PDB file of N, CA and C in Angstrom:
ATOM      1  N   UNK A   1      14.618 111.638 187.893  1.00  0.00           N
ATOM      2  CA  UNK A   1      15.668 110.990 188.792  1.00  0.00           C
ATOM      3  C   UNK A   1      14.817 110.004 189.510  1.00  0.00           C
ATOM      4  N   UNK A   2      15.458 108.695 189.421  1.00  0.00           N
ATOM      5  CA  UNK A   2      15.098 107.497 189.966  1.00  0.00           C
ATOM      6  C   UNK A   2      15.259 107.623 191.390  1.00  0.00           C
ATOM      7  N   UNK A   3      14.608 107.217 192.497  1.00  0.00           N
ATOM      8  CA  UNK A   3      14.833 107.133 193.891  1.00  0.00           C
ATOM      9  C   UNK A   3      15.369 105.882 194.154  1.00  0.00           C
ATOM     10  N   UNK A   4      16.358 105.620 194.957  1.00  0.00           N
ATOM     11  CA  UNK A   4      16.862 104.399 195.222  1.00  0.00           C
ATOM     12  C   UNK A   4      15.872 103.766 196.098  1.00  0.00           C
ATOM     13  N   UNK A   5      15.625 102.338 196.080  1.00  0.00           N
ATOM     14  CA  UNK A   5      15.017 101.530 196.675  1.00  0.00           C
ATOM     15  C   UNK A   5      15.437 101.337 198.061  1.00  0.00           C
ATOM     16  N   UNK A   6      14.502 101.454 199.166  1.00  0.00           N
ATOM     17  CA  UNK A   6      14.723 101.214 200.487  1.00  0.00           C
ATOM     18  C   UNK A   6      14.678  99.700 200.893  1.00  0.00           C
ATOM     19  N   UNK A   7      14.122  98.994 199.960  1.00  0.00           N
ATOM     20  CA  UNK A   7      13.875  97.458 200.280  1.00  0.00           C
ATOM     21  C   UNK A   7      14.933  96.847 200.572  1.00  0.00           C
ATOM     22  N   UNK A   8      16.107  96.902 199.758  1.00  0.00           N
ATOM     23  CA  UNK A   8      17.388  96.046 200.325  1.00  0.00           C
ATOM     24  C   UNK A   8      17.706  96.330 201.729  1.00  0.00           C
ATOM     25  N   UNK A   9      17.866  97.726 202.012  1.00  0.00           N
ATOM     26  CA  UNK A   9      18.401  98.112 203.315  1.00  0.00           C
ATOM     27  C   UNK A   9      17.219  97.581 204.427  1.00  0.00           C
ATOM     28  N   UNK A  10      15.890  97.742 204.095  1.00  0.00           N
ATOM     29  CA  UNK A  10      15.195  97.205 204.968  1.00  0.00           C
ATOM     30  C   UNK A  10      15.100  95.625 205.242  1.00  0.00           C
ATOM     31  N   UNK A  11      15.335  95.102 204.326  1.00  0.00           N
ATOM     32  CA  UNK A  11      15.539  93.589 204.358  1.00  0.00           C
ATOM     33  C   UNK A  11      16.706  93.186 205.178  1.00  0.00           C
ATOM     34  N   UNK A  12      17.809  93.825 204.785  1.00  0.00           N
ATOM     35  CA  UNK A  12      19.065  93.528 205.738  1.00  0.00           C
ATOM     36  C   UNK A  12      18.985  93.808 207.147  1.00  0.00           C
ATOM     37  N   UNK A  13      18.068  94.974 207.433  1.00  0.00           N
ATOM     38  CA  UNK A  13      17.820  95.157 208.935  1.00  0.00           C
ATOM     39  C   UNK A  13      17.028  94.246 209.593  1.00  0.00           C
ATOM     40  N   UNK A  14      15.937  93.662 208.787  1.00  0.00           N
ATOM     41  CA  UNK A  14      15.085  92.587 209.374  1.00  0.00           C
ATOM     42  C   UNK A  14      15.866  91.354 209.655  1.00  0.00           C
ATOM     43  N   UNK A  15      16.909  90.849 208.581  1.00  0.00           N
ATOM     44  CA  UNK A  15      17.632  89.689 208.770  1.00  0.00           C
ATOM     45  C   UNK A  15      18.504  89.908 209.818  1.00  0.00           C
ATOM     46  N   UNK A  16      19.190  91.105 210.079  1.00  0.00           N
ATOM     47  CA  UNK A  16      20.040  91.271 210.990  1.00  0.00           C
ATOM     48  C   UNK A  16      19.475  91.105 212.484  1.00  0.00           C
ATOM     49  N   UNK A  17      18.192  91.649 212.523  1.00  0.00           N
ATOM     50  CA  UNK A  17      17.568  91.496 213.938  1.00  0.00           C
ATOM     51  C   UNK A  17      17.117  90.115 214.152  1.00  0.00           C
ATOM     52  N   UNK A  18      16.757  89.434 213.137  1.00  0.00           N
ATOM     53  CA  UNK A  18      16.343  88.088 213.318  1.00  0.00           C
ATOM     54  C   UNK A  18      17.480  87.275 213.782  1.00  0.00           C
ATOM     55  N   UNK A  19      18.844  87.532 213.173  1.00  0.00           N
ATOM     56  CA  UNK A  19      19.803  86.841 213.604  1.00  0.00           C
ATOM     57  C   UNK A  19      20.338  87.269 215.046  1.00  0.00           C
ATOM     58  N   UNK A  20      19.945  88.293 215.428  1.00  0.00           N
ATOM     59  CA  UNK A  20      20.501  88.823 216.803  1.00  0.00           C
ATOM     60  C   UNK A  20      19.438  88.133 217.656  1.00  0.00           C
ATOM     61  N   UNK A  21      18.326  87.952 217.473  1.00  0.00           N
ATOM     62  CA  UNK A  21      17.284  87.451 218.286  1.00  0.00           C
ATOM     63  C   UNK A  21      17.404  86.056 218.351  1.00  0.00           C
ATOM     64  N   UNK A  22      18.000  85.340 217.580  1.00  0.00           N
ATOM     65  CA  UNK A  22      18.240  83.786 217.381  1.00  0.00           C
ATOM     66  C   UNK A  22      18.824  83.352 218.747  1.00  0.00           C
ATOM     67  N   UNK A  23      20.034  83.879 219.182  1.00  0.00           N
ATOM     68  CA  UNK A  23      20.654  83.243 220.395  1.00  0.00           C
ATOM     69  C   UNK A  23      19.679  83.426 221.550  1.00  0.00           C
ATOM     70  N   UNK A  24      18.900  84.567 221.793  1.00  0.00           N
ATOM     71  CA  UNK A  24      17.912  84.748 222.897  1.00  0.00           C
ATOM     72  C   UNK A  24      16.854  83.537 222.966  1.00  0.00           C
ATOM     73  N   UNK A  25      16.195  83.374 221.646  1.00  0.00           N
ATOM     74  CA  UNK A  25      15.258  82.553 221.511  1.00  0.00           C
ATOM     75  C   UNK A  25      15.680  81.012 221.879  1.00  0.00           C
ATOM     76  N   UNK A  26      16.826  80.625 221.423  1.00  0.00           N
ATOM     77  CA  UNK A  26      17.360  79.104 221.689  1.00  0.00           C
ATOM     78  C   UNK A  26      18.047  79.068 222.881  1.00  0.00           C
ATOM     79  N   UNK A  27      18.056  80.186 223.754  1.00  0.00           N
ATOM     80  CA  UNK A  27      18.827  80.111 224.987  1.00  0.00           C
ATOM     81  C   UNK A  27      17.903  79.145 226.049  1.00  0.00           C
ATOM     82  N   UNK A  28      16.784  78.731 225.775  1.00  0.00           N
ATOM     83  CA  UNK A  28      15.966  77.941 226.677  1.00  0.00           C
ATOM     84  C   UNK A  28      16.355  76.537 226.636  1.00  0.00           C
ATOM     85  N   UNK A  29      17.255  76.279 225.586  1.00  0.00           N
ATOM     86  CA  UNK A  29      17.897  74.883 225.355  1.00  0.00           C
ATOM     87  C   UNK A  29      19.303  74.831 225.817  1.00  0.00           C
ATOM     88  N   UNK A  30      19.808  73.817 226.122  1.00  0.00           N
ATOM     89  CA  UNK A  30      21.135  73.603 226.517  1.00  0.00           C
ATOM     90  C   UNK A  30      22.147  73.872 225.565  1.00  0.00           C
ATOM     91  N   UNK A  31      23.336  74.013 226.044  1.00  0.00           N
ATOM     92  CA  UNK A  31      24.505  74.687 225.259  1.00  0.00           C
ATOM     93  C   UNK A  31      24.753  73.755 223.952  1.00  0.00           C
ATOM     94  N   UNK A  32      24.915  72.423 224.216  1.00  0.00           N
ATOM     95  CA  UNK A  32      25.000  71.702 223.089  1.00  0.00           C
ATOM     96  C   UNK A  32      24.036  71.816 221.979  1.00  0.00           C
ATOM     97  N   UNK A  33      22.673  71.941 222.326  1.00  0.00           N
ATOM     98  CA  UNK A  33      21.664  72.240 221.366  1.00  0.00           C
ATOM     99  C   UNK A  33      21.660  73.288 220.791  1.00  0.00           C
ATOM    100  N   UNK A  34      22.058  74.362 221.567  1.00  0.00           N
ATOM    101  CA  UNK A  34      22.165  75.727 220.877  1.00  0.00           C
ATOM    102  C   UNK A  34      23.187  75.939 219.814  1.00  0.00           C
ATOM    103  N   UNK A  35      24.285  75.120 220.254  1.00  0.00           N
ATOM    104  CA  UNK A  35      25.318  75.384 219.405  1.00  0.00           C
ATOM    105  C   UNK A  35      25.194  74.620 218.170  1.00  0.00           C
ATOM    106  N   UNK A  36      24.388  73.377 217.996  1.00  0.00           N
ATOM    107  CA  UNK A  36      23.933  72.701 217.017  1.00  0.00           C
ATOM    108  C   UNK A  36      23.043  73.677 215.958  1.00  0.00           C
ATOM    109  N   UNK A  37      22.075  74.054 216.777  1.00  0.00           N
ATOM    110  CA  UNK A  37      21.087  75.208 216.143  1.00  0.00           C
ATOM    111  C   UNK A  37      21.947  76.094 215.325  1.00  0.00           C
ATOM    112  N   UNK A  38      22.822  76.772 215.766  1.00  0.00           N
ATOM    113  CA  UNK A  38      23.492  77.911 215.220  1.00  0.00           C
ATOM    114  C   UNK A  38      24.392  77.462 214.066  1.00  0.00           C
ATOM    115  N   UNK A  39      24.962  76.219 214.033  1.00  0.00           N
ATOM    116  CA  UNK A  39      25.543  75.752 212.971  1.00  0.00           C
ATOM    117  C   UNK A  39      24.555  75.572 211.761  1.00  0.00           C
ATOM    118  N   UNK A  40      23.474  74.910 212.087  1.00  0.00           N
ATOM    119  CA  UNK A  40      22.356  74.890 210.898  1.00  0.00           C
ATOM    120  C   UNK A  40      21.883  76.343 210.507  1.00  0.00           C
ATOM    121  N   UNK A  41      21.637  77.142 211.657  1.00  0.00           N
ATOM    122  CA  UNK A  41      21.150  78.324 211.329  1.00  0.00           C
ATOM    123  C   UNK A  41      22.305  79.014 210.208  1.00  0.00           C
ATOM    124  N   UNK A  42      23.373  78.981 210.389  1.00  0.00           N
ATOM    125  CA  UNK A  42      24.496  79.561 209.470  1.00  0.00           C
ATOM    126  C   UNK A  42      24.298  78.917 207.883  1.00  0.00           C
ATOM    127  N   UNK A  43      24.094  77.777 207.815  1.00  0.00           N
ATOM    128  CA  UNK A  43      24.077  77.290 206.382  1.00  0.00           C
ATOM    129  C   UNK A  43      22.587  77.363 205.943  1.00  0.00           C
ATOM    130  N   UNK A  44      21.567  77.209 206.626  1.00  0.00           N
ATOM    131  CA  UNK A  44      20.237  77.469 206.223  1.00  0.00           C
ATOM    132  C   UNK A  44      20.065  78.929 205.742  1.00  0.00           C
ATOM    133  N   UNK A  45      20.583  79.949 206.674  1.00  0.00           N
ATOM    134  CA  UNK A  45      20.349  81.275 206.276  1.00  0.00           C
ATOM    135  C   UNK A  45      21.254  81.587 204.764  1.00  0.00           C
ATOM    136  N   UNK A  46      22.183  80.754 204.375  1.00  0.00           N
ATOM    137  CA  UNK A  46      22.712  81.146 203.215  1.00  0.00           C
ATOM    138  C   UNK A  46      22.140  80.664 202.161  1.00  0.00           C
ATOM    139  N   UNK A  47      20.853  79.836 202.142  1.00  0.00           N
ATOM    140  CA  UNK A  47      20.042  79.504 201.058  1.00  0.00           C
ATOM    141  C   UNK A  47      19.208  80.610 200.733  1.00  0.00           C
ATOM    142  N   UNK A  48      18.994  80.739 199.502  1.00  0.00           N
ATOM    143  CA  UNK A  48      17.990  81.833 199.049  1.00  0.00           C
ATOM    144  C   UNK A  48      16.878  81.301 198.190  1.00  0.00           C
ATOM    145  N   UNK A  49      15.932  80.746 198.741  1.00  0.00           N
ATOM    146  CA  UNK A  49      14.870  80.134 197.945  1.00  0.00           C
ATOM    147  C   UNK A  49      13.773  81.083 197.380  1.00  0.00           C
ATOM    148  N   UNK A  50      14.014  82.331 197.547  1.00  0.00           N
ATOM    149  CA  UNK A  50      13.125  83.429 197.173  1.00  0.00           C
ATOM    150  C   UNK A  50      13.048  83.789 195.612  1.00  0.00           C
ATOM    151  N   UNK A  51      14.082  83.337 194.829  1.00  0.00           N
ATOM    152  CA  UNK A  51      14.047  83.535 193.529  1.00  0.00           C
ATOM    153  C   UNK A  51      13.246  82.527 192.664  1.00  0.00           C
ATOM    154  N   UNK A  52      12.204  83.076 192.022  1.00  0.00           N
ATOM    155  CA  UNK A  52      11.267  82.344 191.207  1.00  0.00           C
ATOM    156  C   UNK A  52      11.753  81.352 190.106  1.00  0.00           C
ATOM    157  N   UNK A  53      11.487  80.171 190.019  1.00  0.00           N
ATOM    158  CA  UNK A  53      11.835  79.322 189.006  1.00  0.00           C
ATOM    159  C   UNK A  53      13.048  78.664 189.120  1.00  0.00           C
ATOM    160  N   UNK A  54      13.843  78.930 190.220  1.00  0.00           N
ATOM    161  CA  UNK A  54      15.116  78.118 190.274  1.00  0.00           C
ATOM    162  C   UNK A  54      14.825  76.727 190.829  1.00  0.00           C
ATOM    163  N   UNK A  55      15.388  75.824 190.123  1.00  0.00           N
ATOM    164  CA  UNK A  55      15.152  74.415 190.478  1.00  0.00           C
ATOM    165  C   UNK A  55      16.128  73.953 191.507  1.00  0.00           C
ATOM    166  N   UNK A  56      17.095  74.446 191.995  1.00  0.00           N
ATOM    167  CA  UNK A  56      17.994  74.489 193.016  1.00  0.00           C
ATOM    168  C   UNK A  56      18.463  75.588 193.778  1.00  0.00           C
ATOM    169  N   UNK A  57      18.645  75.589 194.982  1.00  0.00           N
ATOM    170  CA  UNK A  57      19.327  76.533 195.767  1.00  0.00           C
ATOM    171  C   UNK A  57      20.679  76.031 196.394  1.00  0.00           C
ATOM    172  N   UNK A  58      21.580  76.825 196.544  1.00  0.00           N
ATOM    173  CA  UNK A  58      23.021  76.311 196.894  1.00  0.00           C
ATOM    174  C   UNK A  58      23.377  77.222 198.309  1.00  0.00           C
ATOM    175  N   UNK A  59      23.938  76.219 199.056  1.00  0.00           N
ATOM    176  CA  UNK A  59      24.429  76.739 200.510  1.00  0.00           C
ATOM    177  C   UNK A  59      25.694  77.152 200.323  1.00  0.00           C
ATOM    178  N   UNK A  60      26.170  77.883 201.401  1.00  0.00           N
ATOM    179  CA  UNK A  60      27.496  78.441 201.332  1.00  0.00           C
ATOM    180  C   UNK A  60      28.588  77.446 201.299  1.00  0.00           C
ATOM    181  N   UNK A  61      28.193  75.934 201.783  1.00  0.00           N
ATOM    182  CA  UNK A  61      29.156  74.915 201.690  1.00  0.00           C
ATOM    183  C   UNK A  61      29.143  74.150 200.349  1.00  0.00           C
ATOM    184  N   UNK A  62      28.407  74.562 199.327  1.00  0.00           N
ATOM    185  CA  UNK A  62      28.171  73.946 198.129  1.00  0.00           C
ATOM    186  C   UNK A  62      26.964  72.967 198.124  1.00  0.00           C
ATOM    187  N   UNK A  63      26.235  72.747 199.320  1.00  0.00           N
ATOM    188  CA  UNK A  63      25.145  71.757 199.269  1.00  0.00           C
ATOM    189  C   UNK A  63      23.931  72.279 198.430  1.00  0.00           C
ATOM    190  N   UNK A  64      23.184  71.557 198.046  1.00  0.00           N
ATOM    191  CA  UNK A  64      22.121  71.933 197.156  1.00  0.00           C
ATOM    192  C   UNK A  64      20.822  71.308 197.595  1.00  0.00           C
ATOM    193  N   UNK A  65      19.815  72.213 197.444  1.00  0.00           N
ATOM    194  CA  UNK A  65      18.324  71.863 197.921  1.00  0.00           C
ATOM    195  C   UNK A  65      17.460  72.251 196.914  1.00  0.00           C
ATOM    196  N   UNK A  66      16.218  71.713 196.932  1.00  0.00           N
ATOM    197  CA  UNK A  66      15.148  72.282 196.248  1.00  0.00           C
ATOM    198  C   UNK A  66      14.608  73.579 197.122  1.00  0.00           C
ATOM    199  N   UNK A  67      13.987  74.543 196.320  1.00  0.00           N
ATOM    200  CA  UNK A  67      13.412  75.660 197.099  1.00  0.00           C
ATOM    201  C   UNK A  67      12.503  75.137 198.364  1.00  0.00           C
ATOM    202  N   UNK A  68      11.710  74.032 198.137  1.00  0.00           N
ATOM    203  CA  UNK A  68      10.868  73.474 199.052  1.00  0.00           C
ATOM    204  C   UNK A  68      11.496  73.111 200.319  1.00  0.00           C
ATOM    205  N   UNK A  69      12.700  72.498 199.957  1.00  0.00           N
ATOM    206  CA  UNK A  69      13.358  71.934 201.146  1.00  0.00           C
ATOM    207  C   UNK A  69      14.121  73.221 201.939  1.00  0.00           C
ATOM    208  N   UNK A  70      14.564  74.106 201.396  1.00  0.00           N
ATOM    209  CA  UNK A  70      15.127  75.179 201.978  1.00  0.00           C
ATOM    210  C   UNK A  70      14.048  75.994 202.873  1.00  0.00           C
ATOM    211  N   UNK A  71      12.896  76.144 202.344  1.00  0.00           N
ATOM    212  CA  UNK A  71      11.820  76.775 203.022  1.00  0.00           C
ATOM    213  C   UNK A  71      11.375  75.819 204.321  1.00  0.00           C
ATOM    214  N   UNK A  72      11.146  74.626 203.888  1.00  0.00           N
ATOM    215  CA  UNK A  72      11.073  73.655 205.229  1.00  0.00           C
ATOM    216  C   UNK A  72      12.090  73.840 206.361  1.00  0.00           C
ATOM    217  N   UNK A  73      13.331  73.835 205.928  1.00  0.00           N
ATOM    218  CA  UNK A  73      14.339  73.891 207.046  1.00  0.00           C
ATOM    219  C   UNK A  73      14.293  75.320 207.654  1.00  0.00           C
ATOM    220  N   UNK A  74      13.945  76.432 206.938  1.00  0.00           N
ATOM    221  CA  UNK A  74      13.738  77.744 207.673  1.00  0.00           C
ATOM    222  C   UNK A  74      12.635  77.645 208.584  1.00  0.00           C
ATOM    223  N   UNK A  75      11.579  77.096 208.078  1.00  0.00           N
ATOM    224  CA  UNK A  75      10.405  76.934 208.975  1.00  0.00           C
ATOM    225  C   UNK A  75      10.725  76.054 210.382  1.00  0.00           C
ATOM    226  N   UNK A  76      11.385  75.086 210.162  1.00  0.00           N
ATOM    227  CA  UNK A  76      11.731  74.129 211.101  1.00  0.00           C
ATOM    228  C   UNK A  76      12.781  74.959 212.270  1.00  0.00           C
ATOM    229  N   UNK A  77      13.462  75.678 211.848  1.00  0.00           N
ATOM    230  CA  UNK A  77      14.473  76.532 212.652  1.00  0.00           C
ATOM    231  C   UNK A  77      13.693  77.469 213.481  1.00  0.00           C
ATOM    232  N   UNK A  78      12.610  78.161 212.797  1.00  0.00           N
ATOM    233  CA  UNK A  78      11.620  78.855 213.589  1.00  0.00           C
ATOM    234  C   UNK A  78      10.991  78.160 214.776  1.00  0.00           C
ATOM    235  N   UNK A  79      10.662  77.026 214.320  1.00  0.00           N
ATOM    236  CA  UNK A  79       9.860  76.125 215.383  1.00  0.00           C
ATOM    237  C   UNK A  79      10.766  75.728 216.448  1.00  0.00           C
ATOM    238  N   UNK A  80      12.204  75.398 216.127  1.00  0.00           N
ATOM    239  CA  UNK A  80      13.035  75.137 217.134  1.00  0.00           C
ATOM    240  C   UNK A  80      13.276  76.303 218.208  1.00  0.00           C
ATOM    241  N   UNK A  81      13.308  77.431 217.518  1.00  0.00           N
ATOM    242  CA  UNK A  81      13.383  78.575 218.296  1.00  0.00           C
ATOM    243  C   UNK A  81      12.219  78.745 219.284  1.00  0.00           C
ATOM    244  N   UNK A  82      10.988  78.534 218.801  1.00  0.00           N
ATOM    245  CA  UNK A  82       9.898  78.739 219.604  1.00  0.00           C
ATOM    246  C   UNK A  82       9.942  77.654 220.865  1.00  0.00           C
ATOM    247  N   UNK A  83      10.247  76.380 220.157  1.00  0.00           N
ATOM    248  CA  UNK A  83      10.426  75.222 221.356  1.00  0.00           C
ATOM    249  C   UNK A  83      11.311  75.485 222.407  1.00  0.00           C
ATOM    250  N   UNK A  84      12.624  76.066 222.121  1.00  0.00           N
ATOM    251  CA  UNK A  84      13.393  76.562 223.159  1.00  0.00           C
ATOM    252  C   UNK A  84      12.901  77.574 224.112  1.00  0.00           C
ATOM    253  N   UNK A  85      12.278  78.578 223.391  1.00  0.00           N
ATOM    254  CA  UNK A  85      11.644  79.814 224.000  1.00  0.00           C
ATOM    255  C   UNK A  85      10.526  79.421 225.129  1.00  0.00           C
ATOM    256  N   UNK A  86       9.803  78.290 224.687  1.00  0.00           N
ATOM    257  CA  UNK A  86       8.720  77.729 225.856  1.00  0.00           C
ATOM    258  C   UNK A  86       9.237  76.690 226.593  1.00  0.00           C
ATOM    259  N   UNK A  87      10.646  76.286 226.625  1.00  0.00           N
ATOM    260  CA  UNK A  87      11.209  75.296 227.563  1.00  0.00           C
ATOM    261  C   UNK A  87      10.846  74.023 227.039  1.00  0.00           C
ATOM    262  N   UNK A  88      10.913  73.587 225.635  1.00  0.00           N
ATOM    263  CA  UNK A  88      10.553  72.174 225.307  1.00  0.00           C
ATOM    264  C   UNK A  88      11.673  71.848 224.448  1.00  0.00           C
ATOM    265  N   UNK A  89      12.927  71.400 225.158  1.00  0.00           N
ATOM    266  CA  UNK A  89      13.966  71.012 224.395  1.00  0.00           C
ATOM    267  C   UNK A  89      13.768  69.658 223.679  1.00  0.00           C
ATOM    268  N   UNK A  90      13.028  68.793 223.982  1.00  0.00           N
ATOM    269  CA  UNK A  90      12.636  67.569 223.447  1.00  0.00           C
ATOM    270  C   UNK A  90      12.163  67.783 222.064  1.00  0.00           C
ATOM    271  N   UNK A  91      11.181  68.766 221.697  1.00  0.00           N
ATOM    272  CA  UNK A  91      10.730  69.072 220.633  1.00  0.00           C
ATOM    273  C   UNK A  91      11.763  69.599 219.641  1.00  0.00           C
ATOM    274  N   UNK A  92      12.514  70.732 220.383  1.00  0.00           N
ATOM    275  CA  UNK A  92      13.616  71.210 219.660  1.00  0.00           C
ATOM    276  C   UNK A  92      14.570  70.500 219.172  1.00  0.00           C
ATOM    277  N   UNK A  93      14.982  69.359 219.937  1.00  0.00           N
ATOM    278  CA  UNK A  93      16.017  68.560 219.457  1.00  0.00           C
ATOM    279  C   UNK A  93      15.569  67.434 218.445  1.00  0.00           C
ATOM    280  N   UNK A  94      14.303  67.198 218.487  1.00  0.00           N
ATOM    281  CA  UNK A  94      13.676  66.250 217.367  1.00  0.00           C
ATOM    282  C   UNK A  94      13.630  66.989 215.946  1.00  0.00           C
ATOM    283  N   UNK A  95      13.216  68.281 216.044  1.00  0.00           N
ATOM    284  CA  UNK A  95      13.174  69.067 214.839  1.00  0.00           C
ATOM    285  C   UNK A  95      14.659  69.298 214.321  1.00  0.00           C
ATOM    286  N   UNK A  96      15.528  69.636 215.170  1.00  0.00           N
ATOM    287  CA  UNK A  96      16.979  69.953 214.905  1.00  0.00           C
ATOM    288  C   UNK A  96      17.463  68.726 214.237  1.00  0.00           C
ATOM    289  N   UNK A  97      17.421  67.601 214.663  1.00  0.00           N
ATOM    290  CA  UNK A  97      17.984  66.293 214.060  1.00  0.00           C
ATOM    291  C   UNK A  97      17.317  66.089 212.650  1.00  0.00           C
ATOM    292  N   UNK A  98      16.184  66.389 212.521  1.00  0.00           N
ATOM    293  CA  UNK A  98      15.583  66.193 211.251  1.00  0.00           C
ATOM    294  C   UNK A  98      16.196  67.268 210.113  1.00  0.00           C
ATOM    295  N   UNK A  99      16.442  68.544 210.666  1.00  0.00           N
ATOM    296  CA  UNK A  99      17.093  69.399 209.674  1.00  0.00           C
ATOM    297  C   UNK A  99      18.524  68.892 209.592  1.00  0.00           C
ATOM    298  N   UNK A 100      19.399  68.536 210.683  1.00  0.00           N
ATOM    299  CA  UNK A 100      20.634  68.040 210.397  1.00  0.00           C
ATOM    300  C   UNK A 100      20.712  66.948 209.498  1.00  0.00           C
ATOM    301  N   UNK A 101      19.941  66.069 209.446  1.00  0.00           N
ATOM    302  CA  UNK A 101      19.838  64.768 208.722  1.00  0.00           C
ATOM    303  C   UNK A 101      19.729  65.301 207.199  1.00  0.00           C
ATOM    304  N   UNK A 102      18.704  66.267 206.938  1.00  0.00           N
ATOM    305  CA  UNK A 102      18.621  66.590 205.528  1.00  0.00           C
ATOM    306  C   UNK A 102      19.903  67.315 205.125  1.00  0.00           C
ATOM    307  N   UNK A 103      20.485  68.248 205.933  1.00  0.00           N
ATOM    308  CA  UNK A 103      21.614  68.950 205.542  1.00  0.00           C
ATOM    309  C   UNK A 103      22.868  67.947 205.209  1.00  0.00           C
ATOM    310  N   UNK A 104      22.924  66.959 206.000  1.00  0.00           N
ATOM    311  CA  UNK A 104      24.047  65.965 205.888  1.00  0.00           C
ATOM    312  C   UNK A 104      23.834  65.066 204.624  1.00  0.00           C
ATOM    313  N   UNK A 105      22.615  64.793 204.367  1.00  0.00           N
ATOM    314  CA  UNK A 105      22.359  64.100 203.157  1.00  0.00           C
ATOM    315  C   UNK A 105      22.583  64.773 201.821  1.00  0.00           C
ATOM    316  N   UNK A 106      22.618  66.099 201.883  1.00  0.00           N
ATOM    317  CA  UNK A 106      22.907  66.998 200.669  1.00  0.00           C
ATOM    318  C   UNK A 106      24.054  67.718 200.530  1.00  0.00           C
ATOM    319  N   UNK A 107      24.831  67.406 201.461  1.00  0.00           N
ATOM    320  CA  UNK A 107      26.255  68.172 201.476  1.00  0.00           C
ATOM    321  C   UNK A 107      27.063  67.648 200.076  1.00  0.00           C
ATOM    322  N   UNK A 108      27.270  68.475 199.210  1.00  0.00           N
ATOM    323  CA  UNK A 108      27.976  68.062 197.996  1.00  0.00           C
ATOM    324  C   UNK A 108      27.406  67.521 196.998  1.00  0.00           C
ATOM    325  N   UNK A 109      25.856  67.228 197.207  1.00  0.00           N
ATOM    326  CA  UNK A 109      25.170  66.465 196.252  1.00  0.00           C
ATOM    327  C   UNK A 109      25.024  67.228 194.816  1.00  0.00           C
ATOM    328  N   UNK A 110      24.971  66.437 193.988  1.00  0.00           N
ATOM    329  CA  UNK A 110      25.116  66.905 192.492  1.00  0.00           C
ATOM    330  C   UNK A 110      23.860  66.592 191.721  1.00  0.00           C
TER     331      UNK A 110
END
């Protein structure tokens, strides 16, 4: 008898806890930046660059990115959270603008 894997459940618990922690970490920045952050987070979290060999990953809105772009955006969002947590909204805003520029340039791209 095959035992069910606990990995998917554990991964969803980790993802949920990361999303729950995001508002706390971004709270060191103003409301407008925090709102922009959450808009980006929602789309970037929909990207799944973890499947090997995929030339493109797709966002919930139909945007498409290379796996490297998706991983870069995920890393930038983590750095934005850290910048807000340490009280550096200028760094957070600069990084968020870069992520938003990439997102805006790829929406509906074919």
